[in-house]
Amino acid sequence: MISRAVVLKIASLPPVRHLITRGRPFRKLVNRFVAGETLQDALRVAFQLQCRGMKVSIDYLGESVRDRQMAQSVVEEYLRVLPGLAQAGLDAQVSVKLTQLGLDIDSAFCVANLERIVQCAGEVGGSVRIDMESSEYTQRTLDILYSLHERYPNLGVVIQAYLYRSEADLDRLVGCRASVRLCKGAYAEPPSIAYPKRSQVNAAYRRLMQKLLLQGHAPAIATHDESIIRDAIAFVKERDIAPERFDFEMLYGIRRDLQEQLVAQGFQMRVYVPYGEAWYPYFTRRLAERPANLLFFLRHVLR
């Protein structure tokens, strides 16, 4: 089986990137994971998901930004997204990355940008979730969350279960009633700071998940792992935790069947919906996660 790293390396080659971004045969596969390039595309997908009983968290795609004007343009886009969701009668939640808002430029500049988005969300009855990036940014991300959360309780954050520090971080977040989305963690981290084995990550995830479900404020259980989902369902039934107290969260285009099953069982499902012109890095990461996607990709590259 071709490894994820090999696929990502192939996808990074300029001729392959040109083929995928310009070639019509790939559009259907791209559209499976990315709503489109425009806000209207994102709103269309959000409306379709709501019709199927699901909520959304909209992500305007982009990598680390080191230009002030570009960071401000990201803010302006989110200031269009939130009212657009509210005006369409949709649940207005967005996900943001602090490096996209200028964290690598200047922390104060980043905080000011984030605050504009959070204020806008509050005005339309919405919320903002700070996506967690690599461990290099963990403490700075949490420091910014803590500096704003008392004034903006509609601001939440993501915690990655594979980091050793996450249990202590989660205790503090639960204590200040910040909403937390729990995920396993997607960045390559050394064993000095993160669990190296899948079994260890899964065990850590289950521990933190149970704490969140018992004590957390509007927690989100973000996973496509059916075994963990079954454990979560068994746990909430055993502890008599109401389904409306938490969300399950999944990525757009991944395990649609499982998303619909959970909705049919009466659970809340929130789908992470990405859009934007900078879709290629996100798309290739999704592409590398499933063998079926790899085979589809390689067949068309070889042609």
C-alpha atoms as a PDB file:
ATOM      1  CA  MET A   1       0.000   0.000   0.000  1.00  0.00           C
ATOM      2  CA  ILE A   2       1.320   3.433  -0.934  1.00  0.00           C
ATOM      3  CA  SER A   3       1.933   5.517   2.165  1.00  0.00           C
ATOM      4  CA  ARG A   4       0.295   8.815   2.988  1.00  0.00           C
ATOM      5  CA  ALA A   5       3.692  10.555   2.823  1.00  0.00           C
ATOM      6  CA  VAL A   6       4.321   9.266  -0.708  1.00  0.00           C
ATOM      7  CA  VAL A   7       0.931  10.461  -1.917  1.00  0.00           C
ATOM      8  CA  LEU A   8       1.474  13.900  -0.427  1.00  0.00           C
ATOM      9  CA  LYS A   9       4.893  14.034  -2.078  1.00  0.00           C
ATOM     10  CA  ILE A  10       3.401  13.116  -5.466  1.00  0.00           C
ATOM     11  CA  ALA A  11       0.626  15.667  -5.013  1.00  0.00           C
ATOM     12  CA  SER A  12       3.182  18.411  -4.269  1.00  0.00           C
ATOM     13  CA  LEU A  13       4.882  18.001  -7.671  1.00  0.00           C
ATOM     14  CA  PRO A  14       4.071  21.012  -9.911  1.00  0.00           C
ATOM     15  CA  PRO A  15       2.855  18.933 -12.904  1.00  0.00           C
ATOM     16  CA  VAL A  16       0.520  16.912 -10.664  1.00  0.00           C
ATOM     17  CA  ARG A  17      -0.777  20.011  -8.919  1.00  0.00           C
ATOM     18  CA  HIS A  18      -1.446  21.626 -12.292  1.00  0.00           C
ATOM     19  CA  LEU A  19      -3.239  18.509 -13.526  1.00  0.00           C
ATOM     20  CA  ILE A  20      -5.522  18.313 -10.486  1.00  0.00           C
ATOM     21  CA  THR A  21      -6.292  22.021 -10.231  1.00  0.00           C
ATOM     22  CA  ARG A  22      -6.930  22.393 -13.959  1.00  0.00           C
ATOM     23  CA  GLY A  23      -8.237  18.970 -14.917  1.00  0.00           C
ATOM     24  CA  ARG A  24     -11.983  18.353 -15.074  1.00  0.00           C
ATOM     25  CA  PRO A  25     -11.741  14.619 -14.187  1.00  0.00           C
ATOM     26  CA  PHE A  26     -10.689  15.558 -10.652  1.00  0.00           C
ATOM     27  CA  ARG A  27     -13.469  18.058  -9.995  1.00  0.00           C
ATOM     28  CA  LYS A  28     -15.900  15.445  -8.697  1.00  0.00           C
ATOM     29  CA  LEU A  29     -13.367  14.139  -6.181  1.00  0.00           C
ATOM     30  CA  VAL A  30     -12.401  17.666  -5.108  1.00  0.00           C
ATOM     31  CA  ASN A  31     -16.065  18.523  -4.579  1.00  0.00           C
ATOM     32  CA  ARG A  32     -16.409  15.541  -2.266  1.00  0.00           C
ATOM     33  CA  PHE A  33     -14.184  17.193   0.343  1.00  0.00           C
ATOM     34  CA  VAL A  34     -14.380  20.915  -0.440  1.00  0.00           C
ATOM     35  CA  ALA A  35     -17.630  22.873  -0.755  1.00  0.00           C
ATOM     36  CA  GLY A  36     -16.199  25.082  -3.519  1.00  0.00           C
ATOM     37  CA  GLU A  37     -14.227  28.272  -3.930  1.00  0.00           C
ATOM     38  CA  THR A  38     -16.840  30.897  -3.041  1.00  0.00           C
ATOM     39  CA  LEU A  39     -18.993  31.832  -0.087  1.00  0.00           C
ATOM     40  CA  GLN A  40     -22.071  30.979  -2.120  1.00  0.00           C
ATOM     41  CA  ASP A  41     -20.703  27.447  -2.545  1.00  0.00           C
ATOM     42  CA  ALA A  42     -20.266  27.132   1.222  1.00  0.00           C
ATOM     43  CA  LEU A  43     -23.766  28.467   1.927  1.00  0.00           C
ATOM     44  CA  ARG A  44     -25.269  26.062  -0.607  1.00  0.00           C
ATOM     45  CA  VAL A  45     -23.586  23.076   1.045  1.00  0.00           C
ATOM     46  CA  ALA A  46     -24.522  24.329   4.529  1.00  0.00           C
ATOM     47  CA  PHE A  47     -28.173  24.574   3.478  1.00  0.00           C
ATOM     48  CA  GLN A  48     -28.090  21.042   2.032  1.00  0.00           C
ATOM     49  CA  LEU A  49     -26.626  19.677   5.255  1.00  0.00           C
ATOM     50  CA  GLN A  50     -29.196  21.492   7.374  1.00  0.00           C
ATOM     51  CA  CYS A  51     -31.943  19.923   5.264  1.00  0.00           C
ATOM     52  CA  ARG A  52     -30.461  16.568   6.306  1.00  0.00           C
ATOM     53  CA  GLY A  53     -30.621  17.528   9.990  1.00  0.00           C
ATOM     54  CA  MET A  54     -26.996  18.630  10.431  1.00  0.00           C
ATOM     55  CA  LYS A  55     -25.218  21.772  11.593  1.00  0.00           C
ATOM     56  CA  VAL A  56     -22.013  23.153  10.111  1.00  0.00           C
ATOM     57  CA  SER A  57     -18.747  24.821  11.034  1.00  0.00           C
ATOM     58  CA  ILE A  58     -17.457  26.815   8.063  1.00  0.00           C
ATOM     59  CA  ASP A  59     -13.727  27.024   7.409  1.00  0.00           C
ATOM     60  CA  TYR A  60     -12.311  29.539   4.913  1.00  0.00           C
ATOM     61  CA  LEU A  61      -9.242  27.670   3.726  1.00  0.00           C
ATOM     62  CA  GLY A  62      -5.722  29.040   3.768  1.00  0.00           C
ATOM     63  CA  GLU A  63      -2.254  28.241   5.003  1.00  0.00           C
ATOM     64  CA  SER A  64      -0.052  30.310   7.339  1.00  0.00           C
ATOM     65  CA  VAL A  65      -0.276  33.993   6.446  1.00  0.00           C
ATOM     66  CA  ARG A  66       2.667  36.385   6.825  1.00  0.00           C
ATOM     67  CA  ASP A  67       1.228  39.394   5.036  1.00  0.00           C
ATOM     68  CA  ARG A  68      -0.948  41.866   6.977  1.00  0.00           C
ATOM     69  CA  GLN A  69      -3.149  42.737   4.046  1.00  0.00           C
ATOM     70  CA  MET A  70      -3.818  39.070   3.333  1.00  0.00           C
ATOM     71  CA  ALA A  71      -4.687  38.390   6.988  1.00  0.00           C
ATOM     72  CA  GLN A  72      -7.111  41.300   6.952  1.00  0.00           C
ATOM     73  CA  SER A  73      -8.721  39.956   3.785  1.00  0.00           C
ATOM     74  CA  VAL A  74      -9.319  36.677   5.647  1.00  0.00           C
ATOM     75  CA  VAL A  75     -11.059  38.619   8.408  1.00  0.00           C
ATOM     76  CA  GLU A  76     -13.249  40.428   5.857  1.00  0.00           C
ATOM     77  CA  GLU A  77     -14.263  37.087   4.383  1.00  0.00           C
ATOM     78  CA  TYR A  78     -15.349  35.754   7.780  1.00  0.00           C
ATOM     79  CA  LEU A  79     -17.284  38.985   8.331  1.00  0.00           C
ATOM     80  CA  ARG A  80     -19.256  38.012   5.228  1.00  0.00           C
ATOM     81  CA  VAL A  81     -19.591  34.343   6.174  1.00  0.00           C
ATOM     82  CA  LEU A  82     -21.257  34.848   9.552  1.00  0.00           C
ATOM     83  CA  PRO A  83     -24.056  37.220   8.432  1.00  0.00           C
ATOM     84  CA  GLY A  84     -24.501  35.072   5.327  1.00  0.00           C
ATOM     85  CA  LEU A  85     -25.170  32.006   7.468  1.00  0.00           C
ATOM     86  CA  ALA A  86     -27.513  33.895   9.783  1.00  0.00           C
ATOM     87  CA  GLN A  87     -29.462  35.503   6.924  1.00  0.00           C
ATOM     88  CA  ALA A  88     -29.946  32.064   5.372  1.00  0.00           C
ATOM     89  CA  GLY A  89     -31.386  30.804   8.668  1.00  0.00           C
ATOM     90  CA  LEU A  90     -28.365  28.576   9.268  1.00  0.00           C
ATOM     91  CA  ASP A  91     -26.443  27.884  12.475  1.00  0.00           C
ATOM     92  CA  ALA A  92     -23.597  30.433  12.332  1.00  0.00           C
ATOM     93  CA  GLN A  93     -20.364  28.785  13.443  1.00  0.00           C
ATOM     94  CA  VAL A  94     -16.959  29.302  11.832  1.00  0.00           C
ATOM     95  CA  SER A  95     -13.562  27.708  12.416  1.00  0.00           C
ATOM     96  CA  VAL A  96     -10.432  29.861  12.218  1.00  0.00           C
ATOM     97  CA  LYS A  97      -6.694  29.267  12.315  1.00  0.00           C
ATOM     98  CA  LEU A  98      -4.696  31.878  14.179  1.00  0.00           C
ATOM     99  CA  THR A  99      -1.770  31.692  11.760  1.00  0.00           C
ATOM    100  CA  GLN A 100      -4.230  32.663   9.029  1.00  0.00           C
ATOM    101  CA  LEU A 101      -5.123  35.735  11.089  1.00  0.00           C
ATOM    102  CA  GLY A 102      -1.483  36.823  11.428  1.00  0.00           C
ATOM    103  CA  LEU A 103      -0.160  35.066  14.534  1.00  0.00           C
ATOM    104  CA  ASP A 104       3.263  34.718  12.874  1.00  0.00           C
ATOM    105  CA  ILE A 105       3.250  38.435  12.093  1.00  0.00           C
ATOM    106  CA  ASP A 106       2.308  39.884  15.476  1.00  0.00           C
ATOM    107  CA  SER A 107       0.248  38.471  18.348  1.00  0.00           C
ATOM    108  CA  ALA A 108      -1.595  41.720  19.057  1.00  0.00           C
ATOM    109  CA  PHE A 109      -2.503  42.041  15.372  1.00  0.00           C
ATOM    110  CA  CYS A 110      -3.816  38.472  15.388  1.00  0.00           C
ATOM    111  CA  VAL A 111      -5.891  39.039  18.538  1.00  0.00           C
ATOM    112  CA  ALA A 112      -7.443  42.177  17.068  1.00  0.00           C
ATOM    113  CA  ASN A 113      -8.376  40.258  13.922  1.00  0.00           C
ATOM    114  CA  LEU A 114      -9.859  37.392  15.922  1.00  0.00           C
ATOM    115  CA  GLU A 115     -11.818  39.793  18.114  1.00  0.00           C
ATOM    116  CA  ARG A 116     -13.488  41.353  15.058  1.00  0.00           C
ATOM    117  CA  ILE A 117     -14.674  37.916  13.944  1.00  0.00           C
ATOM    118  CA  VAL A 118     -15.900  36.916  17.395  1.00  0.00           C
ATOM    119  CA  GLN A 119     -17.782  40.198  17.806  1.00  0.00           C
ATOM    120  CA  CYS A 120     -19.472  39.655  14.452  1.00  0.00           C
ATOM    121  CA  ALA A 121     -20.421  36.120  15.488  1.00  0.00           C
ATOM    122  CA  GLY A 122     -21.960  37.450  18.690  1.00  0.00           C
ATOM    123  CA  GLU A 123     -24.008  39.998  16.759  1.00  0.00           C
ATOM    124  CA  VAL A 124     -25.669  37.257  14.684  1.00  0.00           C
ATOM    125  CA  GLY A 125     -26.001  34.745  17.528  1.00  0.00           C
ATOM    126  CA  GLY A 126     -23.122  32.624  16.240  1.00  0.00           C
ATOM    127  CA  SER A 127     -19.856  31.190  17.547  1.00  0.00           C
ATOM    128  CA  VAL A 128     -16.194  30.839  16.631  1.00  0.00           C
ATOM    129  CA  ARG A 129     -13.926  27.835  17.111  1.00  0.00           C
ATOM    130  CA  ILE A 130     -10.148  28.287  17.074  1.00  0.00           C
ATOM    131  CA  ASP A 131      -8.583  25.377  15.198  1.00  0.00           C
ATOM    132  CA  MET A 132      -5.493  23.988  16.913  1.00  0.00           C
ATOM    133  CA  GLU A 133      -2.353  23.857  14.817  1.00  0.00           C
ATOM    134  CA  SER A 134       0.998  22.190  15.523  1.00  0.00           C
ATOM    135  CA  SER A 135       2.442  22.051  19.049  1.00  0.00           C
ATOM    136  CA  GLU A 136       4.558  25.116  18.242  1.00  0.00           C
ATOM    137  CA  TYR A 137       1.331  27.134  18.539  1.00  0.00           C
ATOM    138  CA  THR A 138      -0.501  25.296  21.339  1.00  0.00           C
ATOM    139  CA  GLN A 139       0.374  27.571  24.251  1.00  0.00           C
ATOM    140  CA  ARG A 140      -0.010  30.783  22.249  1.00  0.00           C
ATOM    141  CA  THR A 141      -3.390  29.616  20.983  1.00  0.00           C
ATOM    142  CA  LEU A 142      -4.634  28.824  24.474  1.00  0.00           C
ATOM    143  CA  ASP A 143      -3.251  32.094  25.880  1.00  0.00           C
ATOM    144  CA  ILE A 144      -5.272  34.012  23.277  1.00  0.00           C
ATOM    145  CA  LEU A 145      -8.381  31.960  24.035  1.00  0.00           C
ATOM    146  CA  TYR A 146      -8.063  32.678  27.767  1.00  0.00           C
ATOM    147  CA  SER A 147      -7.471  36.400  27.146  1.00  0.00           C
ATOM    148  CA  LEU A 148     -10.764  36.696  25.235  1.00  0.00           C
ATOM    149  CA  HIS A 149     -13.101  34.033  26.572  1.00  0.00           C
ATOM    150  CA  GLU A 150     -14.417  35.890  29.604  1.00  0.00           C
ATOM    151  CA  ARG A 151     -15.629  38.697  27.325  1.00  0.00           C
ATOM    152  CA  TYR A 152     -16.649  36.378  24.504  1.00  0.00           C
ATOM    153  CA  PRO A 153     -18.151  33.106  25.771  1.00  0.00           C
ATOM    154  CA  ASN A 154     -19.044  32.231  22.154  1.00  0.00           C
ATOM    155  CA  LEU A 155     -15.331  31.582  21.495  1.00  0.00           C
ATOM    156  CA  GLY A 156     -14.162  27.958  21.708  1.00  0.00           C
ATOM    157  CA  VAL A 157     -11.059  25.970  20.857  1.00  0.00           C
ATOM    158  CA  VAL A 158      -9.796  22.576  19.700  1.00  0.00           C
ATOM    159  CA  ILE A 159      -7.756  20.187  21.870  1.00  0.00           C
ATOM    160  CA  GLN A 160      -5.642  17.393  20.379  1.00  0.00           C
ATOM    161  CA  ALA A 161      -5.744  14.194  22.405  1.00  0.00           C
ATOM    162  CA  TYR A 162      -2.335  12.911  21.314  1.00  0.00           C
ATOM    163  CA  LEU A 163      -0.416  15.624  23.185  1.00  0.00           C
ATOM    164  CA  TYR A 164       0.634  14.678  26.720  1.00  0.00           C
ATOM    165  CA  ARG A 165      -0.285  18.149  27.956  1.00  0.00           C
ATOM    166  CA  SER A 166      -3.894  17.957  26.745  1.00  0.00           C
ATOM    167  CA  GLU A 167      -5.394  16.513  29.929  1.00  0.00           C
ATOM    168  CA  ALA A 168      -4.158  19.456  32.002  1.00  0.00           C
ATOM    169  CA  ASP A 169      -5.245  21.875  29.274  1.00  0.00           C
ATOM    170  CA  LEU A 170      -8.685  20.306  29.189  1.00  0.00           C
ATOM    171  CA  ASP A 171      -9.070  20.629  32.981  1.00  0.00           C
ATOM    172  CA  ARG A 172      -8.466  24.375  32.767  1.00  0.00           C
ATOM    173  CA  LEU A 173     -10.782  24.807  29.763  1.00  0.00           C
ATOM    174  CA  VAL A 174     -13.558  22.895  31.504  1.00  0.00           C
ATOM    175  CA  GLY A 175     -13.040  25.077  34.562  1.00  0.00           C
ATOM    176  CA  CYS A 176     -13.579  28.290  32.610  1.00  0.00           C
ATOM    177  CA  ARG A 177     -16.505  26.792  30.652  1.00  0.00           C
ATOM    178  CA  ALA A 178     -14.895  27.150  27.242  1.00  0.00           C
ATOM    179  CA  SER A 179     -16.424  25.016  24.527  1.00  0.00           C
ATOM    180  CA  VAL A 180     -13.937  22.380  23.321  1.00  0.00           C
ATOM    181  CA  ARG A 181     -13.803  20.313  20.161  1.00  0.00           C
ATOM    182  CA  LEU A 182     -11.779  17.162  20.882  1.00  0.00           C
ATOM    183  CA  CYS A 183      -9.816  15.599  18.031  1.00  0.00           C
ATOM    184  CA  LYS A 184      -6.999  13.059  17.929  1.00  0.00           C
ATOM    185  CA  GLY A 185      -4.373  15.325  16.325  1.00  0.00           C
ATOM    186  CA  ALA A 186      -3.074  15.468  12.771  1.00  0.00           C
ATOM    187  CA  TYR A 187       0.421  16.977  12.939  1.00  0.00           C
ATOM    188  CA  ALA A 188       3.705  15.058  13.033  1.00  0.00           C
ATOM    189  CA  GLU A 189       4.907  15.486  16.606  1.00  0.00           C
ATOM    190  CA  PRO A 190       7.903  13.879  18.389  1.00  0.00           C
ATOM    191  CA  PRO A 191       7.334  11.184  21.053  1.00  0.00           C
ATOM    192  CA  SER A 192       8.728  13.592  23.626  1.00  0.00           C
ATOM    193  CA  ILE A 193       5.472  15.575  23.536  1.00  0.00           C
ATOM    194  CA  ALA A 194       2.890  13.279  21.915  1.00  0.00           C
ATOM    195  CA  TYR A 195       1.790   9.667  22.180  1.00  0.00           C
ATOM    196  CA  PRO A 196       3.565   7.784  19.384  1.00  0.00           C
ATOM    197  CA  LYS A 197       1.233   4.767  19.168  1.00  0.00           C
ATOM    198  CA  ARG A 198      -2.304   4.700  17.819  1.00  0.00           C
ATOM    199  CA  SER A 199      -3.497   2.630  20.781  1.00  0.00           C
ATOM    200  CA  GLN A 200      -2.130   5.260  23.181  1.00  0.00           C
ATOM    201  CA  VAL A 201      -3.808   8.086  21.250  1.00  0.00           C
ATOM    202  CA  ASN A 202      -7.127   6.228  21.259  1.00  0.00           C
ATOM    203  CA  ALA A 203      -6.879   5.593  24.994  1.00  0.00           C
ATOM    204  CA  ALA A 204      -6.102   9.259  25.645  1.00  0.00           C
ATOM    205  CA  TYR A 205      -8.985  10.311  23.428  1.00  0.00           C
ATOM    206  CA  ARG A 206     -11.428   8.129  25.351  1.00  0.00           C
ATOM    207  CA  ARG A 207     -10.267   9.526  28.710  1.00  0.00           C
ATOM    208  CA  LEU A 208     -10.612  13.122  27.592  1.00  0.00           C
ATOM    209  CA  MET A 209     -13.891  12.410  25.812  1.00  0.00           C
ATOM    210  CA  GLN A 210     -15.488  11.059  28.974  1.00  0.00           C
ATOM    211  CA  LYS A 211     -14.318  14.067  30.978  1.00  0.00           C
ATOM    212  CA  LEU A 212     -15.707  16.438  28.335  1.00  0.00           C
ATOM    213  CA  LEU A 213     -19.042  14.660  28.147  1.00  0.00           C
ATOM    214  CA  LEU A 214     -19.406  14.746  31.926  1.00  0.00           C
ATOM    215  CA  GLN A 215     -18.079  18.218  32.689  1.00  0.00           C
ATOM    216  CA  GLY A 216     -17.656  20.149  29.444  1.00  0.00           C
ATOM    217  CA  HIS A 217     -19.673  23.092  28.177  1.00  0.00           C
ATOM    218  CA  ALA A 218     -21.153  22.379  24.707  1.00  0.00           C
ATOM    219  CA  PRO A 219     -18.390  19.904  23.825  1.00  0.00           C
ATOM    220  CA  ALA A 220     -17.780  18.472  20.373  1.00  0.00           C
ATOM    221  CA  ILE A 221     -16.593  14.895  19.857  1.00  0.00           C
ATOM    222  CA  ALA A 222     -14.715  15.107  16.559  1.00  0.00           C
ATOM    223  CA  THR A 223     -13.913  11.671  15.173  1.00  0.00           C
ATOM    224  CA  HIS A 224     -14.739   9.261  12.359  1.00  0.00           C
ATOM    225  CA  ASP A 225     -13.657   6.287  14.486  1.00  0.00           C
ATOM    226  CA  GLU A 226     -16.715   4.038  14.807  1.00  0.00           C
ATOM    227  CA  SER A 227     -15.356   2.246  17.864  1.00  0.00           C
ATOM    228  CA  ILE A 228     -14.919   5.528  19.747  1.00  0.00           C
ATOM    229  CA  ILE A 229     -18.340   6.720  18.619  1.00  0.00           C
ATOM    230  CA  ARG A 230     -19.915   3.518  19.937  1.00  0.00           C
ATOM    231  CA  ASP A 231     -18.115   4.050  23.253  1.00  0.00           C
ATOM    232  CA  ALA A 232     -19.347   7.647  23.404  1.00  0.00           C
ATOM    233  CA  ILE A 233     -22.943   6.571  22.806  1.00  0.00           C
ATOM    234  CA  ALA A 234     -22.707   3.861  25.456  1.00  0.00           C
ATOM    235  CA  PHE A 235     -21.176   6.346  27.913  1.00  0.00           C
ATOM    236  CA  VAL A 236     -23.836   9.047  27.471  1.00  0.00           C
ATOM    237  CA  LYS A 237     -26.615   6.477  27.808  1.00  0.00           C
ATOM    238  CA  GLU A 238     -25.054   5.021  30.948  1.00  0.00           C
ATOM    239  CA  ARG A 239     -24.627   8.485  32.496  1.00  0.00           C
ATOM    240  CA  ASP A 240     -27.973   9.788  31.213  1.00  0.00           C
ATOM    241  CA  ILE A 241     -26.338  12.634  29.260  1.00  0.00           C
ATOM    242  CA  ALA A 242     -28.831  14.274  26.908  1.00  0.00           C
ATOM    243  CA  PRO A 243     -27.899  14.279  23.182  1.00  0.00           C
ATOM    244  CA  GLU A 244     -28.435  18.035  22.961  1.00  0.00           C
ATOM    245  CA  ARG A 245     -25.593  18.644  25.432  1.00  0.00           C
ATOM    246  CA  PHE A 246     -22.893  17.810  22.864  1.00  0.00           C
ATOM    247  CA  ASP A 247     -22.141  17.448  19.148  1.00  0.00           C
ATOM    248  CA  PHE A 248     -20.506  14.764  17.138  1.00  0.00           C
ATOM    249  CA  GLU A 249     -18.332  16.389  14.476  1.00  0.00           C
ATOM    250  CA  MET A 250     -16.990  15.059  11.189  1.00  0.00           C
ATOM    251  CA  LEU A 251     -15.344  16.430   8.076  1.00  0.00           C
ATOM    252  CA  TYR A 252     -17.381  17.224   4.995  1.00  0.00           C
ATOM    253  CA  GLY A 253     -17.304  14.284   2.590  1.00  0.00           C
ATOM    254  CA  ILE A 254     -16.035  11.695   5.078  1.00  0.00           C
ATOM    255  CA  ARG A 255     -18.324   8.958   6.427  1.00  0.00           C
ATOM    256  CA  ARG A 256     -21.535  10.542   5.178  1.00  0.00           C
ATOM    257  CA  ASP A 257     -23.279   7.262   5.958  1.00  0.00           C
ATOM    258  CA  LEU A 258     -22.213   7.439   9.595  1.00  0.00           C
ATOM    259  CA  GLN A 259     -23.198  11.106   9.828  1.00  0.00           C
ATOM    260  CA  GLU A 260     -26.728  10.245   8.693  1.00  0.00           C
ATOM    261  CA  GLN A 261     -26.937   7.250  11.030  1.00  0.00           C
ATOM    262  CA  LEU A 262     -26.109   9.432  14.038  1.00  0.00           C
ATOM    263  CA  VAL A 263     -28.720  12.021  13.049  1.00  0.00           C
ATOM    264  CA  ALA A 264     -31.285   9.235  12.639  1.00  0.00           C
ATOM    265  CA  GLN A 265     -30.445   8.063  16.179  1.00  0.00           C
ATOM    266  CA  GLY A 266     -31.224  11.527  17.555  1.00  0.00           C
ATOM    267  CA  PHE A 267     -27.663  12.847  18.018  1.00  0.00           C
ATOM    268  CA  GLN A 268     -26.445  16.269  16.977  1.00  0.00           C
ATOM    269  CA  MET A 269     -24.063  16.216  14.034  1.00  0.00           C
ATOM    270  CA  ARG A 270     -21.915  19.169  13.017  1.00  0.00           C
ATOM    271  CA  VAL A 271     -20.012  18.958   9.732  1.00  0.00           C
ATOM    272  CA  TYR A 272     -16.758  20.857   9.179  1.00  0.00           C
ATOM    273  CA  VAL A 273     -17.216  22.491   5.759  1.00  0.00           C
ATOM    274  CA  PRO A 274     -14.128  24.002   4.080  1.00  0.00           C
ATOM    275  CA  TYR A 275     -14.183  26.307   1.076  1.00  0.00           C
ATOM    276  CA  GLY A 276     -11.956  28.816  -0.697  1.00  0.00           C
ATOM    277  CA  GLU A 277      -9.472  29.148  -3.511  1.00  0.00           C
ATOM    278  CA  ALA A 278      -6.657  27.754  -1.329  1.00  0.00           C
ATOM    279  CA  TRP A 279      -8.223  24.285  -1.297  1.00  0.00           C
ATOM    280  CA  TYR A 280      -5.358  22.220  -2.725  1.00  0.00           C
ATOM    281  CA  PRO A 281      -3.305  21.474   0.457  1.00  0.00           C
ATOM    282  CA  TYR A 282      -6.468  20.552   2.379  1.00  0.00           C
ATOM    283  CA  PHE A 283      -7.693  18.364  -0.491  1.00  0.00           C
ATOM    284  CA  THR A 284      -4.431  16.426  -0.783  1.00  0.00           C
ATOM    285  CA  ARG A 285      -4.432  15.690   2.969  1.00  0.00           C
ATOM    286  CA  ARG A 286      -7.951  14.239   2.658  1.00  0.00           C
ATOM    287  CA  LEU A 287      -6.932  12.356  -0.463  1.00  0.00           C
ATOM    288  CA  ALA A 288      -4.118  10.615   1.375  1.00  0.00           C
ATOM    289  CA  GLU A 289      -6.342   9.311   4.159  1.00  0.00           C
ATOM    290  CA  ARG A 290      -8.312   6.606   2.323  1.00  0.00           C
ATOM    291  CA  PRO A 291      -7.052   3.863  -0.009  1.00  0.00           C
ATOM    292  CA  ALA A 292     -10.071   4.268  -2.312  1.00  0.00           C
ATOM    293  CA  ASN A 293      -9.219   7.925  -2.819  1.00  0.00           C
ATOM    294  CA  LEU A 294      -5.586   7.064  -3.517  1.00  0.00           C
ATOM    295  CA  LEU A 295      -6.517   4.564  -6.203  1.00  0.00           C
ATOM    296  CA  PHE A 296      -8.839   7.044  -7.893  1.00  0.00           C
ATOM    297  CA  PHE A 297      -6.113   9.678  -7.770  1.00  0.00           C
ATOM    298  CA  LEU A 298      -3.359   7.443  -9.131  1.00  0.00           C
ATOM    299  CA  ARG A 299      -5.486   6.078 -11.988  1.00  0.00           C
ATOM    300  CA  HIS A 300      -6.066   9.577 -13.297  1.00  0.00           C
ATOM    301  CA  VAL A 301      -2.451  10.679 -12.789  1.00  0.00           C
ATOM    302  CA  LEU A 302      -1.203   7.651 -14.746  1.00  0.00           C
ATOM    303  CA  ARG A 303      -3.604   8.388 -17.590  1.00  0.00           C
END
